[in-house]
C-alpha cells in the first residue's frame, strides 16, 4: 500500500531526454578504512567514489543509498580490501535494481620514509557477478644520467667510480588491469618493492654528511636513463605473482630533470596474456 503522505521522489521521474547514463554517483567521500595486509590490521585514510549506471527512464541516482552502501561495509571492521570493494559494489547493485554495473574507486596513501606512496584501486562489478579490477601505485626515487657520466669521463679521464653525473628525482606509476581476478593490498606491496629496488637510490628523509656522501656515490654509480628504469620495473613486475592476474601492465616513469627546464617521460605497456603465452616467460 502506497504512502500518500510520502514526499515526492523526483529521481524516479522520466527525464526530459531519455538517454542511458553510463556512469553517475558520488565522488570524494573521505573516510578511514581498517584493512588487512601483511597479516596485520591497519587503519588507512581513504577517498572513496561509487558509481552506477542509469537506464533511460530514470532521472537521477539515489545518492543516499550509495553512501549507505559504502558506510555500512566500511564500518563492519577490519577486512580484506578486495572483499570490501566487492561488497560495496554488490550492495549498490542491490539497492538500484535497474542498474547493471557498479564501480567502486578507492584512493589512499602510505607513508614511506617521509614520502607519500599513492594507491588507487578500482573494481567494476556487473549484475551477473563478473568483475574487472584496476590497481595503480605511485612512488618516487632517485636516478642519475649515464650519458653525462660517460662524456665527463671521456674528457676528464677520471675513473668510472669517481666520475660525477647529474642526479634527479623520478616518479614511477605502475598500473595493473586484471584478467578478472581481484587485486589486493599485498599485490600493491609487491609492486612497491619492485619499484623501490629498481631505482638508482632511495629517497631518504634524514642523512648525516657521511651518509649523504655514500648515497650520492651509490646513485651516480648506478646510472640509468628514464627508459632504463621503465624497462627494469616492467621486467621485474613480470616476475611477481601479480603478473598471473594481469591483462595489461603499464609502467610510466617521469624524471624531474635537474639541468633541463623540462622533464622526461618513458612508458612501457605489457600485454599480460601475450607474455604469459611465450615460452621464454618461465625463464624470466
Protein backbone atom coordinates (compact mmCIF):
# COMPACT_ATOMS: atom_id res chain seq x y z
CA UNK A 1 0.00 0.00 0.00
CA UNK A 2 1.42 3.37 -1.01
CA UNK A 3 2.01 6.12 1.49
CA UNK A 4 0.01 9.12 0.30
CA UNK A 5 1.92 11.37 2.70
CA UNK A 6 5.35 10.39 1.34
CA UNK A 7 7.39 13.22 -0.12
CA UNK A 8 7.83 13.22 -3.91
CA UNK A 9 10.78 11.29 -5.33
CA UNK A 10 11.90 13.11 -8.46
CA UNK A 11 14.71 10.58 -9.00
CA UNK A 12 12.12 8.15 -10.33
CA UNK A 13 10.63 10.54 -12.87
CA UNK A 14 11.21 10.12 -16.59
CA UNK A 15 13.94 12.56 -17.72
CA UNK A 16 13.35 15.15 -20.42
CA UNK A 17 15.98 13.45 -22.55
CA UNK A 18 15.60 9.68 -22.09
CA UNK A 19 19.17 8.55 -22.65
CA UNK A 20 21.17 5.98 -20.72
CA UNK A 21 23.68 7.45 -18.24
CA UNK A 22 26.72 5.19 -18.28
CA UNK A 23 28.25 6.43 -15.04
CA UNK A 24 26.86 8.53 -12.22
CA UNK A 25 27.38 8.62 -8.48
CA UNK A 26 29.34 10.18 -5.66
CA UNK A 27 32.99 11.24 -5.56
CA UNK A 28 35.33 12.22 -2.77
CA UNK A 29 33.80 10.51 0.26
CA UNK A 30 36.63 10.76 2.81
CA UNK A 31 36.76 8.09 5.49
CA UNK A 32 39.02 5.71 7.37
CA UNK A 33 39.16 2.04 6.45
CA UNK A 34 40.58 -0.82 8.51
CA UNK A 35 42.31 -3.18 6.11
CA UNK A 36 44.14 -6.46 6.48
CA UNK A 37 47.52 -6.57 4.80
CA UNK A 38 50.76 -8.34 5.58
CA UNK A 39 48.90 -10.33 8.26
CA UNK A 40 48.06 -7.23 10.30
CA UNK A 41 45.21 -4.74 10.51
CA UNK A 42 45.97 -1.13 9.58
CA UNK A 43 43.79 1.96 9.53
CA UNK A 44 44.21 3.97 6.36
CA UNK A 45 42.70 7.28 5.26
CA UNK A 46 40.83 6.82 2.02
CA UNK A 47 38.86 8.71 -0.59
CA UNK A 48 36.01 6.62 -1.95
CA UNK A 49 33.93 7.11 -5.09
CA UNK A 50 30.95 4.97 -6.08
CA UNK A 51 29.09 4.92 -9.38
CA UNK A 52 26.26 3.07 -11.08
CA UNK A 53 24.60 3.29 -14.49
CA UNK A 54 21.09 4.67 -15.05
CA UNK A 55 18.57 3.43 -17.64
CA UNK A 56 16.88 5.98 -19.93
CA UNK A 57 13.67 6.07 -17.86
CA UNK A 58 15.34 7.00 -14.54
CA UNK A 59 16.12 10.65 -13.90
CA UNK A 60 18.66 10.53 -11.08
CA UNK A 61 20.75 8.34 -8.79
CA UNK A 62 19.80 7.85 -5.13
CA UNK A 63 22.99 9.21 -3.55
CA UNK A 64 21.90 8.37 0.00
CA UNK A 65 21.70 4.70 -0.98
CA UNK A 66 25.23 4.81 -2.34
CA UNK A 67 26.53 6.48 0.82
CA UNK A 68 24.80 3.88 2.97
CA UNK A 69 26.19 1.05 0.84
CA UNK A 70 29.71 2.34 1.39
CA UNK A 71 29.47 3.23 5.09
CA UNK A 72 27.68 0.01 6.07
CA UNK A 73 30.52 -2.09 4.68
CA UNK A 74 33.37 0.14 5.86
CA UNK A 75 32.03 0.09 9.42
CA UNK A 76 32.00 -3.72 9.63
CA UNK A 77 35.57 -3.71 10.97
CA UNK A 78 38.93 -4.93 9.70
CA UNK A 79 38.56 -6.57 6.32
CA UNK A 80 40.31 -7.51 3.10
CA UNK A 81 40.40 -4.68 0.57
CA UNK A 82 39.21 -6.67 -2.44
CA UNK A 83 36.35 -8.20 -0.44
CA UNK A 84 35.35 -4.76 0.87
CA UNK A 85 35.16 -3.15 -2.55
CA UNK A 86 33.27 -6.13 -4.00
CA UNK A 87 30.70 -5.96 -1.19
CA UNK A 88 30.19 -2.22 -1.64
CA UNK A 89 29.65 -2.70 -5.38
CA UNK A 90 27.18 -5.53 -4.80
CA UNK A 91 25.25 -3.53 -2.20
CA UNK A 92 24.98 -0.63 -4.65
CA UNK A 93 23.51 -3.01 -7.22
CA UNK A 94 21.14 -4.47 -4.64
CA UNK A 95 19.74 -1.03 -3.84
CA UNK A 96 19.50 0.02 -7.50
CA UNK A 97 17.69 -2.88 -9.16
CA UNK A 98 17.67 -1.15 -12.55
CA UNK A 99 21.48 -0.76 -12.73
CA UNK A 100 23.74 -3.27 -14.46
CA UNK A 101 27.17 -2.06 -13.33
CA UNK A 102 28.57 -0.67 -10.08
CA UNK A 103 32.03 0.84 -9.89
CA UNK A 104 33.96 1.49 -6.68
CA UNK A 105 37.16 3.55 -6.60
CA UNK A 106 39.37 3.80 -3.51
CA UNK A 107 42.33 6.17 -3.29
CA UNK A 108 44.68 6.00 -0.34
CA UNK A 109 48.32 6.56 0.55
CA UNK A 110 51.04 5.05 2.70
CA UNK A 111 53.95 6.86 4.37
CA UNK A 112 57.34 5.52 3.31
CA UNK A 113 60.46 7.23 4.69
CA UNK A 114 58.83 10.63 4.52
CA UNK A 115 57.21 10.33 1.12
CA UNK A 116 53.62 9.60 0.25
CA UNK A 117 53.06 6.42 -1.76
CA UNK A 118 49.77 6.77 -3.62
CA UNK A 119 47.47 3.77 -4.05
CA UNK A 120 44.46 3.51 -6.33
CA UNK A 121 42.09 0.55 -6.59
CA UNK A 122 39.03 0.23 -8.79
CA UNK A 123 36.52 -2.56 -9.29
CA UNK A 124 33.64 -2.73 -11.75
CA UNK A 125 31.07 -5.34 -10.82
CA UNK A 126 28.31 -6.45 -13.17
CA UNK A 127 24.96 -7.81 -12.12
CA UNK A 128 25.99 -11.28 -13.33
CA UNK A 129 28.85 -11.26 -10.79
CA UNK A 130 31.71 -10.66 -13.22
CA UNK A 131 34.34 -8.18 -12.09
CA UNK A 132 37.17 -6.19 -13.63
CA UNK A 133 39.93 -4.78 -11.43
CA UNK A 134 42.45 -1.97 -11.75
CA UNK A 135 45.32 -1.04 -9.41
CA UNK A 136 47.82 1.81 -9.54
CA UNK A 137 50.85 2.59 -7.37
CA UNK A 138 52.96 5.77 -7.47
CA UNK A 139 56.33 6.06 -5.74
CA UNK A 140 59.45 8.22 -6.16
CA UNK A 141 63.17 7.51 -6.10
CA UNK A 142 66.48 8.81 -7.47
CA UNK A 143 68.30 8.17 -10.74
CA UNK A 144 71.42 9.56 -12.43
CA UNK A 145 72.38 10.19 -16.04
CA UNK A 146 74.63 7.60 -17.76
CA UNK A 147 75.33 9.86 -20.75
CA UNK A 148 76.74 12.77 -18.74
CA UNK A 149 78.88 10.34 -16.74
CA UNK A 150 80.47 8.79 -19.83
CA UNK A 151 81.05 12.15 -21.55
CA UNK A 152 82.65 13.62 -18.40
CA UNK A 153 84.92 10.59 -18.07
CA UNK A 154 85.88 10.81 -21.76
CA UNK A 155 87.06 14.41 -21.45
CA UNK A 156 88.49 14.32 -17.93
CA UNK A 157 89.99 10.82 -17.89
CA UNK A 158 88.53 10.05 -14.46
CA UNK A 159 87.99 6.58 -13.03
CA UNK A 160 84.44 5.44 -13.68
CA UNK A 161 83.53 5.16 -9.99
CA UNK A 162 84.84 8.67 -9.32
CA UNK A 163 83.15 10.26 -12.31
CA UNK A 164 80.25 12.57 -11.43
CA UNK A 165 76.96 12.99 -13.22
CA UNK A 166 73.72 14.82 -12.59
CA UNK A 167 71.03 13.24 -10.41
CA UNK A 168 67.30 13.76 -10.23
CA UNK A 169 64.18 12.51 -8.54
CA UNK A 170 61.96 10.29 -10.64
CA UNK A 171 58.35 9.22 -10.27
CA UNK A 172 57.15 5.78 -11.30
CA UNK A 173 53.49 4.90 -11.76
CA UNK A 174 52.64 1.23 -12.21
CA UNK A 175 49.10 0.30 -13.18
CA UNK A 176 47.66 -3.20 -13.47
CA UNK A 177 44.44 -4.18 -15.23
CA UNK A 178 43.39 -7.65 -14.11
CA UNK A 179 42.02 -10.57 -16.09
CA UNK A 180 39.05 -10.77 -13.71
CA UNK A 181 40.98 -11.79 -10.61
CA UNK A 182 40.79 -9.38 -7.68
CA UNK A 183 43.79 -7.19 -6.82
CA UNK A 184 44.85 -6.72 -3.21
CA UNK A 185 46.97 -4.59 -0.90
CA UNK A 186 49.57 -7.37 -0.97
CA UNK A 187 49.77 -7.00 -4.76
CA UNK A 188 50.41 -3.30 -4.22
CA UNK A 189 53.22 -4.05 -1.76
CA UNK A 190 54.81 -6.44 -4.27
CA UNK A 191 54.84 -3.64 -6.83
CA UNK A 192 56.16 -1.09 -4.31
CA UNK A 193 59.10 -3.38 -3.50
CA UNK A 194 59.82 -3.85 -7.20
CA UNK A 195 59.83 -0.12 -7.89
CA UNK A 196 61.99 0.74 -4.88
CA UNK A 197 64.58 -1.88 -5.81
CA UNK A 198 64.75 -0.58 -9.38
CA UNK A 199 65.81 3.00 -8.65
CA UNK A 200 69.47 4.03 -8.54
CA UNK A 201 68.81 5.06 -4.95
CA UNK A 202 66.00 5.52 -2.45
CA UNK A 203 64.86 8.89 -1.17
CA UNK A 204 65.87 9.47 2.45
CA UNK A 205 64.42 11.94 4.95
CA UNK A 206 67.50 12.45 7.11
CA UNK A 207 71.15 11.93 6.26
CA UNK A 208 74.38 12.78 8.02
CA UNK A 209 77.17 14.28 5.90
CA UNK A 210 78.87 10.91 5.59
CA UNK A 211 75.62 9.14 4.78
CA UNK A 212 74.87 11.73 2.13
CA UNK A 213 78.26 11.14 0.53
CA UNK A 214 77.67 7.39 0.46
CA UNK A 215 74.21 7.64 -1.09
CA UNK A 216 75.43 10.10 -3.74
CA UNK A 217 78.22 7.68 -4.65
CA UNK A 218 75.71 4.85 -4.89
CA UNK A 219 73.34 6.81 -7.13
CA UNK A 220 75.96 8.15 -9.55
CA UNK A 221 77.48 4.68 -9.88
CA UNK A 222 74.15 3.12 -10.83
CA UNK A 223 73.19 5.48 -13.67
CA UNK A 224 70.16 4.79 -15.82
CA UNK A 225 68.03 6.57 -18.35
CA UNK A 226 64.34 7.08 -17.72
CA UNK A 227 63.79 4.38 -20.35
CA UNK A 228 66.11 2.00 -18.48
CA UNK A 229 64.12 2.43 -15.29
CA UNK A 230 60.76 1.90 -17.01
CA UNK A 231 62.03 -1.29 -18.64
CA UNK A 232 63.57 -2.59 -15.42
CA UNK A 233 60.39 -2.04 -13.41
CA UNK A 234 58.24 -3.71 -16.07
CA UNK A 235 60.64 -6.65 -16.28
CA UNK A 236 60.57 -7.17 -12.52
CA UNK A 237 56.79 -6.81 -12.24
CA UNK A 238 56.51 -9.57 -14.85
CA UNK A 239 58.19 -11.89 -12.34
CA UNK A 240 55.76 -11.21 -9.50
CA UNK A 241 52.57 -13.10 -8.67
CA UNK A 242 50.64 -10.03 -9.82
CA UNK A 243 51.59 -10.88 -13.41
CA UNK A 244 49.43 -14.02 -13.27
CA UNK A 245 46.39 -11.78 -12.73
CA UNK A 246 47.22 -9.11 -15.30
CA UNK A 247 45.66 -8.41 -18.66
CA UNK A 248 47.81 -5.30 -19.00
CA UNK A 249 50.62 -3.70 -17.03
CA UNK A 250 51.63 -0.10 -17.69
CA UNK A 251 54.79 1.44 -16.28
CA UNK A 252 55.12 5.21 -16.64
CA UNK A 253 58.27 6.94 -15.38
CA UNK A 254 58.81 10.69 -15.20
CA UNK A 255 62.25 12.13 -14.47
CA UNK A 256 62.28 15.61 -12.93
CA UNK A 257 65.38 16.81 -14.78
CA UNK A 258 67.90 18.75 -12.71
CA UNK A 259 69.76 20.59 -15.51
CA UNK A 260 66.96 20.95 -18.07
CA UNK A 261 63.82 23.12 -18.00
CA UNK A 262 61.68 20.11 -18.91
CA UNK A 263 61.02 16.62 -17.62
CA UNK A 264 61.45 13.26 -19.35
CA UNK A 265 58.83 10.52 -19.55
CA UNK A 266 59.04 6.90 -20.66
CA UNK A 267 56.27 4.31 -20.76
CA UNK A 268 56.22 0.54 -21.15
CA UNK A 269 52.98 -1.36 -21.76
CA UNK A 270 52.94 -5.13 -21.24
CA UNK A 271 50.20 -7.36 -22.62
CA UNK A 272 49.76 -9.89 -19.83
CA UNK A 273 48.29 -12.74 -21.85
CA UNK A 274 50.79 -12.34 -24.68
CA UNK A 275 53.75 -12.60 -22.34
CA UNK A 276 52.33 -15.48 -20.32
CA UNK A 277 51.88 -17.43 -23.56
CA UNK A 278 55.52 -17.00 -24.58
CA UNK A 279 57.84 -19.90 -23.84
CA UNK A 280 60.61 -17.61 -22.56
CA UNK A 281 58.35 -16.15 -19.88
CA UNK A 282 59.07 -19.03 -17.47
CA UNK A 283 62.78 -18.18 -17.69
CA UNK A 284 62.41 -14.55 -16.62
